[in-house]
Protein backbone atom coordinates (compact mmCIF):
# COMPACT_ATOMS: atom_id res chain seq x y z
CA UNK A 1 -3.21 37.75 8.58
CA UNK A 2 -0.98 35.25 6.80
CA UNK A 3 -2.88 32.21 5.58
CA UNK A 4 -1.98 28.92 7.28
CA UNK A 5 0.20 26.13 6.03
CA UNK A 6 -2.31 23.52 4.84
CA UNK A 7 -1.39 19.83 5.02
CA UNK A 8 -3.51 17.53 2.86
CA UNK A 9 -3.38 13.95 4.11
CA UNK A 10 -3.15 12.87 7.76
CA UNK A 11 -0.42 10.25 7.63
CA UNK A 12 3.14 9.74 8.84
CA UNK A 13 4.60 12.54 6.70
CA UNK A 14 2.01 15.01 8.01
CA UNK A 15 2.63 14.00 11.62
CA UNK A 16 6.38 14.36 11.18
CA UNK A 17 6.07 17.80 9.58
CA UNK A 18 3.75 19.10 12.29
CA UNK A 19 5.93 17.86 15.16
CA UNK A 20 9.08 19.40 13.66
CA UNK A 21 7.31 22.66 12.76
CA UNK A 22 6.27 23.04 16.38
CA UNK A 23 9.67 21.97 17.76
CA UNK A 24 11.38 24.61 15.59
CA UNK A 25 9.14 27.29 17.06
CA UNK A 26 7.65 28.31 13.74
CA UNK A 27 4.60 30.42 14.70
CA UNK A 28 2.73 30.03 11.42
CA UNK A 29 -0.69 28.43 11.80
CA UNK A 30 -1.33 24.90 10.57
CA UNK A 31 -4.43 23.25 9.11
CA UNK A 32 -4.42 19.46 8.82
CA UNK A 33 -6.99 17.94 6.47
CA UNK A 34 -7.49 14.17 6.31
CA UNK A 35 -10.15 11.97 4.77
CA UNK A 36 -10.11 9.32 7.51
CA UNK A 37 -11.80 9.82 10.90
CA UNK A 38 -8.49 9.30 12.73
CA UNK A 39 -5.49 11.50 13.48
CA UNK A 40 -2.22 10.38 11.86
CA UNK A 41 -1.40 6.79 12.78
CA UNK A 42 1.22 4.10 12.26
CA UNK A 43 0.50 1.79 9.35
CA UNK A 44 3.12 -1.00 9.74
CA UNK A 45 1.36 -2.55 12.78
CA UNK A 46 -1.87 -2.87 10.78
CA UNK A 47 -0.74 -6.08 9.08
CA UNK A 48 0.88 -7.37 12.27
CA UNK A 49 -0.22 -6.67 15.85
CA UNK A 50 -3.42 -4.80 14.99
CA UNK A 51 -4.64 -7.60 12.73
CA UNK A 52 -3.66 -10.09 15.42
CA UNK A 53 -5.76 -8.16 17.94
CA UNK A 54 -2.73 -7.47 20.13
CA UNK A 55 -2.79 -3.68 19.72
CA UNK A 56 -5.61 -1.31 20.57
CA UNK A 57 -6.60 1.23 17.93
CA UNK A 58 -5.63 4.24 20.05
CA UNK A 59 -2.08 2.91 20.34
CA UNK A 60 -1.74 3.19 16.57
CA UNK A 61 -2.13 6.96 16.78
CA UNK A 62 1.19 8.77 16.54
CA UNK A 63 -0.28 11.37 18.89
CA UNK A 64 -3.80 11.62 20.30
CA UNK A 65 -6.19 14.01 18.61
CA UNK A 66 -6.17 16.29 21.67
CA UNK A 67 -2.46 16.94 21.19
CA UNK A 68 -3.08 18.75 17.92
CA UNK A 69 -5.65 21.03 19.53
CA UNK A 70 -3.31 21.68 22.46
CA UNK A 71 -0.62 22.76 19.99
CA UNK A 72 -2.99 25.08 18.14
CA UNK A 73 -3.21 22.87 15.05
CA UNK A 74 -6.61 23.02 13.38
CA UNK A 75 -7.78 19.61 12.16
CA UNK A 76 -10.44 18.72 9.63
CA UNK A 77 -10.85 14.96 9.60
CA UNK A 78 -13.22 12.97 7.38
CA UNK A 79 -12.69 15.78 4.87
CA UNK A 80 -11.52 15.25 1.30
CA UNK A 81 -9.79 17.95 -0.73
CA UNK A 82 -10.94 17.76 -4.35
CA UNK A 83 -9.37 20.83 -5.95
CA UNK A 84 -6.27 23.01 -5.73
CA UNK A 85 -6.68 26.55 -7.03
CA UNK A 86 -3.05 27.47 -7.45
CA UNK A 87 -3.67 30.99 -8.78
CA UNK A 88 -5.74 31.85 -5.70
CA UNK A 89 -3.70 29.70 -3.28
CA UNK A 90 -6.80 27.84 -2.15
CA UNK A 91 -7.97 24.25 -1.75
CA UNK A 92 -11.58 23.13 -1.96
CA UNK A 93 -13.19 20.27 -0.06
CA UNK A 94 -15.80 17.83 -1.35
CA UNK A 95 -18.34 19.74 0.77
CA UNK A 96 -17.48 22.97 -1.03
CA UNK A 97 -15.43 24.51 1.78
CA UNK A 98 -12.62 26.77 0.58
CA UNK A 99 -9.38 27.00 2.57
CA UNK A 100 -6.69 29.59 1.87
CA UNK A 101 -3.08 28.51 2.14
CA UNK A 102 0.29 30.21 2.30
CA UNK A 103 2.15 26.94 1.67
CA UNK A 104 0.53 23.64 0.74
CA UNK A 105 1.97 20.25 1.69
CA UNK A 106 0.59 17.21 -0.12
CA UNK A 107 0.86 14.07 2.00
CA UNK A 108 -1.79 12.18 0.06
CA UNK A 109 -0.12 8.79 0.33
CA UNK A 110 -0.97 5.81 -1.82
CA UNK A 111 -3.78 3.31 -2.22
CA UNK A 112 -3.76 -0.45 -2.49
CA UNK A 113 -4.19 -1.86 -5.96
CA UNK A 114 -7.22 -4.09 -6.23
CA UNK A 115 -8.32 -6.72 -8.70
CA UNK A 116 -10.61 -5.61 -11.54
CA UNK A 117 -14.32 -6.03 -10.83
CA UNK A 118 -14.69 -8.24 -13.91
CA UNK A 119 -12.51 -10.94 -12.34
CA UNK A 120 -14.06 -10.69 -8.89
CA UNK A 121 -12.26 -7.80 -7.21
CA UNK A 122 -15.47 -6.41 -5.69
CA UNK A 123 -16.92 -9.64 -4.30
CA UNK A 124 -17.72 -9.94 -0.61
CA UNK A 125 -14.81 -11.52 1.20
CA UNK A 126 -12.15 -9.86 -0.97
CA UNK A 127 -9.93 -7.42 0.92
CA UNK A 128 -6.99 -5.08 0.52
CA UNK A 129 -4.82 -3.85 3.37
CA UNK A 130 -3.96 -0.19 3.69
CA UNK A 131 -6.00 1.46 6.47
CA UNK A 132 -7.58 0.94 9.88
CA UNK A 133 -10.93 0.57 8.14
CA UNK A 134 -9.51 -2.24 5.96
CA UNK A 135 -8.37 -4.18 9.02
CA UNK A 136 -11.60 -3.55 10.90
CA UNK A 137 -13.52 -5.10 7.98
CA UNK A 138 -11.12 -7.99 7.54
CA UNK A 139 -10.15 -9.02 11.08
CA UNK A 140 -13.53 -10.59 12.04
CA UNK A 141 -13.16 -12.93 9.05
CA UNK A 142 -9.77 -14.24 10.20
CA UNK A 143 -11.14 -17.28 12.03
CA UNK A 144 -9.30 -20.51 12.73
CA UNK A 145 -9.99 -23.23 10.19
CA UNK A 146 -10.92 -20.89 7.34
CA UNK A 147 -8.94 -20.86 4.11
CA UNK A 148 -7.29 -17.57 3.17
CA UNK A 149 -6.08 -17.04 -0.38
CA UNK A 150 -3.46 -14.29 -0.75
CA UNK A 151 -2.77 -12.77 -4.16
CA UNK A 152 0.77 -11.37 -4.24
CA UNK A 153 4.05 -12.42 -2.65
CA UNK A 154 5.35 -9.06 -1.46
CA UNK A 155 5.88 -8.00 2.13
CA UNK A 156 2.21 -7.17 2.79
CA UNK A 157 1.10 -10.58 1.57
CA UNK A 158 3.79 -12.40 3.53
CA UNK A 159 3.10 -10.48 6.74
CA UNK A 160 -0.62 -11.22 6.44
CA UNK A 161 0.16 -14.88 5.79
CA UNK A 162 2.19 -15.04 9.00
CA UNK A 163 -0.63 -13.48 11.03
CA UNK A 164 -3.22 -15.77 9.46
CA UNK A 165 -1.22 -18.87 10.33
CA UNK A 166 -0.78 -17.63 13.89
CA UNK A 167 -4.57 -17.30 14.07
CA UNK A 168 -5.08 -20.83 12.78
CA UNK A 169 -6.17 -20.19 9.19
CA UNK A 170 -5.10 -22.31 6.25
CA UNK A 171 -3.17 -20.12 3.80
CA UNK A 172 -2.41 -20.38 0.11
CA UNK A 173 -0.34 -17.61 -1.47
CA UNK A 174 -0.17 -17.03 -5.23
CA UNK A 175 2.69 -15.14 -6.86
CA UNK A 176 2.69 -14.56 -10.61
CA UNK A 177 6.47 -14.00 -10.74
CA UNK A 178 9.00 -16.81 -10.56
CA UNK A 179 9.57 -16.16 -6.88
CA UNK A 180 8.17 -14.23 -3.95
CA UNK A 181 9.78 -10.80 -3.34
CA UNK A 182 11.25 -10.91 -6.84
CA UNK A 183 10.75 -7.18 -7.44
CA UNK A 184 12.43 -6.07 -4.22
CA UNK A 185 14.93 -8.69 -3.06
CA UNK A 186 17.61 -11.14 -4.13
CA UNK A 187 17.04 -14.86 -4.60
CA UNK A 188 18.68 -15.58 -1.25
CA UNK A 189 16.18 -13.38 0.61
CA UNK A 190 13.30 -14.93 -1.31
CA UNK A 191 14.56 -18.42 -0.47
CA UNK A 192 14.86 -17.55 3.21
CA UNK A 193 11.23 -16.42 3.40
CA UNK A 194 9.99 -19.23 1.18
CA UNK A 195 11.38 -21.74 3.67
CA UNK A 196 10.14 -19.76 6.65
CA UNK A 197 6.56 -19.73 5.38
CA UNK A 198 6.65 -23.32 4.14
CA UNK A 199 7.87 -24.43 7.56
CA UNK A 200 4.85 -22.66 9.07
CA UNK A 201 2.39 -24.41 6.78
CA UNK A 202 1.77 -21.77 4.11
CA UNK A 203 1.25 -23.19 0.63
CA UNK A 204 3.32 -20.99 -1.68
CA UNK A 205 2.47 -21.11 -5.39
CA UNK A 206 5.03 -19.18 -7.43
CA UNK A 207 4.82 -18.67 -11.23
CA UNK A 208 1.06 -18.95 -10.78
CA UNK A 209 -1.39 -16.66 -12.54
CA UNK A 210 -4.90 -15.96 -11.36
CA UNK A 211 -7.61 -15.96 -14.04
CA UNK A 212 -10.60 -14.99 -11.91
CA UNK A 213 -12.17 -15.39 -8.50
CA UNK A 214 -15.14 -17.72 -8.17
CA UNK A 215 -18.30 -16.58 -6.43
CA UNK A 216 -21.55 -17.84 -5.01
CA UNK A 217 -24.30 -15.38 -4.15
CA UNK A 218 -21.93 -12.46 -4.52
CA UNK A 219 -19.35 -13.89 -2.12
CA UNK A 220 -15.93 -15.23 -3.06
CA UNK A 221 -15.60 -19.00 -2.76
CA UNK A 222 -12.37 -19.65 -4.62
CA UNK A 223 -10.18 -18.94 -7.61
CA UNK A 224 -9.49 -20.24 -11.10
CA UNK A 225 -5.85 -20.39 -12.17
CA UNK A 226 -4.22 -20.19 -15.59
CA UNK A 227 -3.19 -23.83 -15.17
CA UNK A 228 -6.87 -24.80 -15.21
CA UNK A 229 -6.80 -25.63 -11.51
CA UNK A 230 -9.49 -24.38 -9.15
CA UNK A 231 -8.80 -23.47 -5.50
CA UNK A 232 -11.43 -23.11 -2.77
CA UNK A 233 -11.18 -20.12 -0.42
CA UNK A 234 -13.27 -18.51 2.29
CA UNK A 235 -11.65 -15.10 1.90
CA UNK A 236 -9.09 -13.40 -0.31
CA UNK A 237 -6.47 -10.77 0.44
CA UNK A 238 -5.09 -8.84 -2.52
CA UNK A 239 -1.54 -7.67 -1.90
CA UNK A 240 -0.26 -6.55 -5.31
CA UNK A 241 1.27 -3.22 -4.39
CA UNK A 242 0.14 0.37 -4.17
CA UNK A 243 -0.34 3.36 -6.45
CA UNK A 244 0.37 6.97 -5.44
CA UNK A 245 -2.58 9.30 -4.89
CA UNK A 246 -1.71 11.95 -7.46
CA UNK A 247 -5.11 12.84 -8.90
CA UNK A 248 -5.41 16.08 -6.92
CA UNK A 249 -1.92 17.22 -7.89
CA UNK A 250 -2.26 16.17 -11.53
CA UNK A 251 -5.57 18.04 -11.90
CA UNK A 252 -3.80 21.16 -10.61
CA UNK A 253 -1.15 20.86 -13.34
CA UNK A 254 1.70 19.63 -11.16
CA UNK A 255 4.25 17.29 -12.71
CA UNK A 256 3.30 13.70 -11.87
CA UNK A 257 5.02 10.49 -12.94
CA UNK A 258 4.63 7.55 -10.56
CA UNK A 259 4.13 10.15 -7.86
CA UNK A 260 4.32 13.91 -7.56
CA UNK A 261 7.72 15.09 -8.84
CA UNK A 262 9.68 17.06 -6.25
CA UNK A 263 13.17 18.48 -5.96
CA UNK A 264 15.74 17.88 -3.22
CA UNK A 265 13.73 20.08 -0.84
CA UNK A 266 10.48 18.20 -1.56
CA UNK A 267 9.20 21.21 -3.49
CA UNK A 268 7.03 20.68 -6.57
CA UNK A 269 7.17 22.80 -9.73
CA UNK A 270 5.01 25.27 -7.79
CA UNK A 271 7.21 27.06 -5.25
CA UNK A 272 4.38 27.13 -2.70
CA UNK A 273 3.50 23.44 -2.89
CA UNK A 274 5.47 20.54 -1.41
CA UNK A 275 4.90 16.78 -1.42
CA UNK A 276 6.11 14.13 1.02
CA UNK A 277 5.79 10.43 1.67
CA UNK A 278 4.32 7.70 -0.51
CA UNK A 279 2.98 10.19 -3.05
CA UNK A 280 6.32 11.89 -3.79
CA UNK A 281 8.72 11.01 -6.60
CA UNK A 282 12.24 12.30 -6.10
CA UNK A 283 15.77 12.02 -7.42
CA UNK A 284 18.21 9.81 -5.56
CA UNK A 285 21.69 9.53 -7.02
CA UNK A 286 20.42 10.18 -10.52
CA UNK A 287 17.43 7.83 -10.30
CA UNK A 288 13.81 8.94 -9.96
CA UNK A 289 12.24 6.84 -7.22
CA UNK A 290 9.17 6.63 -5.04
CA UNK A 291 9.36 4.92 -1.65
CA UNK A 292 6.51 3.55 0.41
CA UNK A 293 8.10 3.51 3.85
CA UNK A 294 7.70 5.07 7.26
CA UNK A 295 11.28 6.34 7.15
CA UNK A 296 10.84 8.18 3.88
CA UNK A 297 7.55 9.77 4.93
CA UNK A 298 8.88 10.84 8.32
CA UNK A 299 12.16 12.18 6.97
CA UNK A 300 10.54 14.12 4.13
CA UNK A 301 7.94 15.65 6.44
CA UNK A 302 10.70 16.64 8.83
CA UNK A 303 12.76 18.14 6.00
CA UNK A 304 9.91 20.36 4.79
CA UNK A 305 9.56 21.84 8.27
CA UNK A 306 13.24 22.78 8.21
CA UNK A 307 12.91 24.23 4.69
CA UNK A 308 9.91 26.37 5.69
CA UNK A 309 11.87 27.56 8.72
CA UNK A 310 14.39 29.06 6.29
CA UNK A 311 17.10 26.41 6.62
CA UNK A 312 19.25 25.40 3.65
CA UNK A 313 18.76 21.62 3.71
CA UNK A 314 18.14 18.87 1.15
CA UNK A 315 16.89 15.30 1.33
CA UNK A 316 19.80 12.89 1.70
CA UNK A 317 18.43 10.37 4.21
CA UNK A 318 19.51 6.75 3.89
CA UNK A 319 16.44 4.55 3.34
CA UNK A 320 15.63 1.76 5.75
CA UNK A 321 12.75 -0.69 6.09
CA UNK A 322 11.64 -3.60 8.24
CA UNK A 323 9.23 -6.52 8.27
CA UNK A 324 8.13 -8.86 11.08
CA UNK A 325 7.04 -12.38 10.13
CA UNK A 326 6.59 -15.08 12.80
CA UNK A 327 9.75 -14.90 14.92
CA UNK A 328 11.81 -13.33 12.13
CA UNK A 329 12.72 -9.66 11.95
CA UNK A 330 13.90 -8.47 8.57
CA UNK A 331 15.81 -5.18 8.57
CA UNK A 332 16.87 -3.50 5.33
CA UNK A 333 19.16 -0.53 4.90
CA UNK A 334 19.89 1.20 1.59
CA UNK A 335 18.40 0.60 -1.85
CA UNK A 336 19.46 -2.33 -4.01
CA UNK A 337 18.46 -0.63 -7.29
CA UNK A 338 20.98 -1.42 -10.00
CA UNK A 339 22.90 -4.05 -8.07
CA UNK A 340 24.89 -6.58 -10.08
CA UNK A 341 26.27 -8.72 -7.26
CA UNK A 342 24.89 -10.19 -4.05
CA UNK A 343 26.99 -11.54 -1.22
CA UNK A 344 25.56 -13.99 1.29
CA UNK A 345 26.92 -13.68 4.81
CA UNK A 346 26.07 -16.62 7.10
CA UNK A 347 24.12 -15.70 10.19
CA UNK A 348 24.75 -16.46 13.81
CA UNK A 349 22.20 -19.29 13.64
CA UNK A 350 20.32 -21.37 11.07
CA UNK A 351 17.43 -18.92 11.40
CA UNK A 352 19.51 -15.90 10.41
CA UNK A 353 21.25 -14.55 7.33
CA UNK A 354 22.29 -11.31 5.67
CA UNK A 355 22.43 -10.41 1.99
CA UNK A 356 24.73 -7.61 0.83
CA UNK A 357 24.07 -5.86 -2.49
CA UNK A 358 26.83 -4.38 -4.64
CA UNK A 359 27.05 -2.43 -7.87
CA UNK A 360 30.59 -3.06 -8.98
CA UNK A 361 32.59 -2.47 -5.81
CA UNK A 362 30.02 -0.10 -4.26
CA UNK A 363 27.96 -1.42 -1.37
CA UNK A 364 24.33 -0.39 -1.91
CA UNK A 365 22.15 -2.19 0.62
CA UNK A 366 21.84 -4.97 3.19
CA UNK A 367 18.98 -7.37 3.96
CA UNK A 368 19.41 -8.70 7.51
CA UNK A 369 17.18 -11.56 8.68
CA UNK A 370 17.45 -11.97 12.46
CA UNK A 371 20.87 -10.32 12.16
CA UNK A 372 20.68 -6.97 13.99
CA UNK A 373 24.47 -6.59 14.03
CA UNK A 374 24.70 -7.02 10.26
CA UNK A 375 22.00 -4.37 9.89
CA UNK A 376 23.59 -1.95 12.36
CA UNK A 377 27.13 -2.25 11.04
CA UNK A 378 25.95 -2.42 7.42
CA UNK A 379 24.19 0.86 8.01
CA UNK A 380 27.31 2.47 9.47
CA UNK A 381 29.41 1.18 6.56
CA UNK A 382 27.02 2.59 3.94
CA UNK A 383 26.58 5.89 5.78
CA UNK A 384 30.34 6.21 5.99
CA UNK A 385 30.74 5.71 2.25
CA UNK A 386 32.87 2.63 2.80
CA UNK A 387 32.92 -0.24 0.32
CA UNK A 388 34.46 -3.38 1.82
CA UNK A 389 35.41 -6.02 -0.71
CA UNK A 390 32.62 -8.58 -1.24
CA UNK A 391 34.84 -11.51 -0.31
CA UNK A 392 35.68 -9.86 3.02
CA UNK A 393 31.99 -9.37 3.85
CA UNK A 394 31.20 -12.96 2.85
CA UNK A 395 33.81 -14.34 5.28
CA UNK A 396 32.00 -15.13 8.58
CA UNK A 397 35.28 -14.56 10.40
CA UNK A 398 35.30 -10.89 9.38
CA UNK A 399 34.51 -8.52 12.22
CA UNK A 400 31.85 -6.18 10.80
CA UNK A 401 32.45 -3.69 13.57
CA UNK A 402 36.04 -3.22 12.43
CA UNK A 403 34.83 -2.57 8.86
CA UNK A 404 32.37 0.03 10.12
CA UNK A 405 34.98 1.82 12.23
CA UNK A 406 37.77 1.98 9.64
């Protein structure tokens, strides 16, 4: 009998691959191995509705566990793979189990970066946000009147700040860079969210460096800053980005550099091993990138199913992202890497705005804050390879629909 396709990592990419594999009628057996006790689940709601207590755990699951059994998919949850034996086409679990594979798909994801233990990263009351288990540990501590200190002004930190304020916590957010979202967004987008959070009572401290967390009896009680200032805190959330889980692949001799290097079909240097999602590093328009997004994970998982079904396809999907904070929905389409010009398009209200990113005359990406039409038409314009002049986009009288349909 042919060995199964083994999927390591039970996340969005794995779920997408399995669903497409079944939809395409591929009869080859599947084995899904994941180190969490849950079937694949949605991660974006973790820092929003799940943390707020507005979403039950089972509703996070992309499909219930029974669905996999009904489809003939073998699952091994709470199981870690610790070795790939490429010559024998086998993987080995931490319990010593050996699984043969015909094709191997690495969907190992990423992990949240923490603070070093020597500056307080392992104190009680210090959290990161990446999994159901993280939220289940953290949520009981989100009580009205407590003071939450957030380290990092990226989307995870900002989303958590919004939830904390909705739950009645006092929030201080520290960002070492000159502005929040500096690594991923233009000044205009940063300014929009700075005002949004300030208006909701979040104390934002940009250009502020943490020296260490303070503790009492092994529990965090505050922080010392490079300025010499000391801040009190009841709990701390560290939101300073994620790192790809490449240890398994690297130990097997696969090419890893900020992720597992793959080609346009998500294939690694080993023709029988693929990688998808947060752990994969791929070429996009001549740039090696790694994306932590639902869209990327889902699209790459889907692509691999088509490739293994014998179809001649490559990964060309247009990236998109979103973030919900208070009553603001941010929608992003495209990648702003290498932009040298930003165009601000006024929104339909004071609480809306869109930012359009250009490299020369080429439109790269759009940030749309409470501007679904700017997002939708911006997406159509980019997908169509159109590059409207910046001054035309900036003019609020311009009909975006007409630009998209030209």
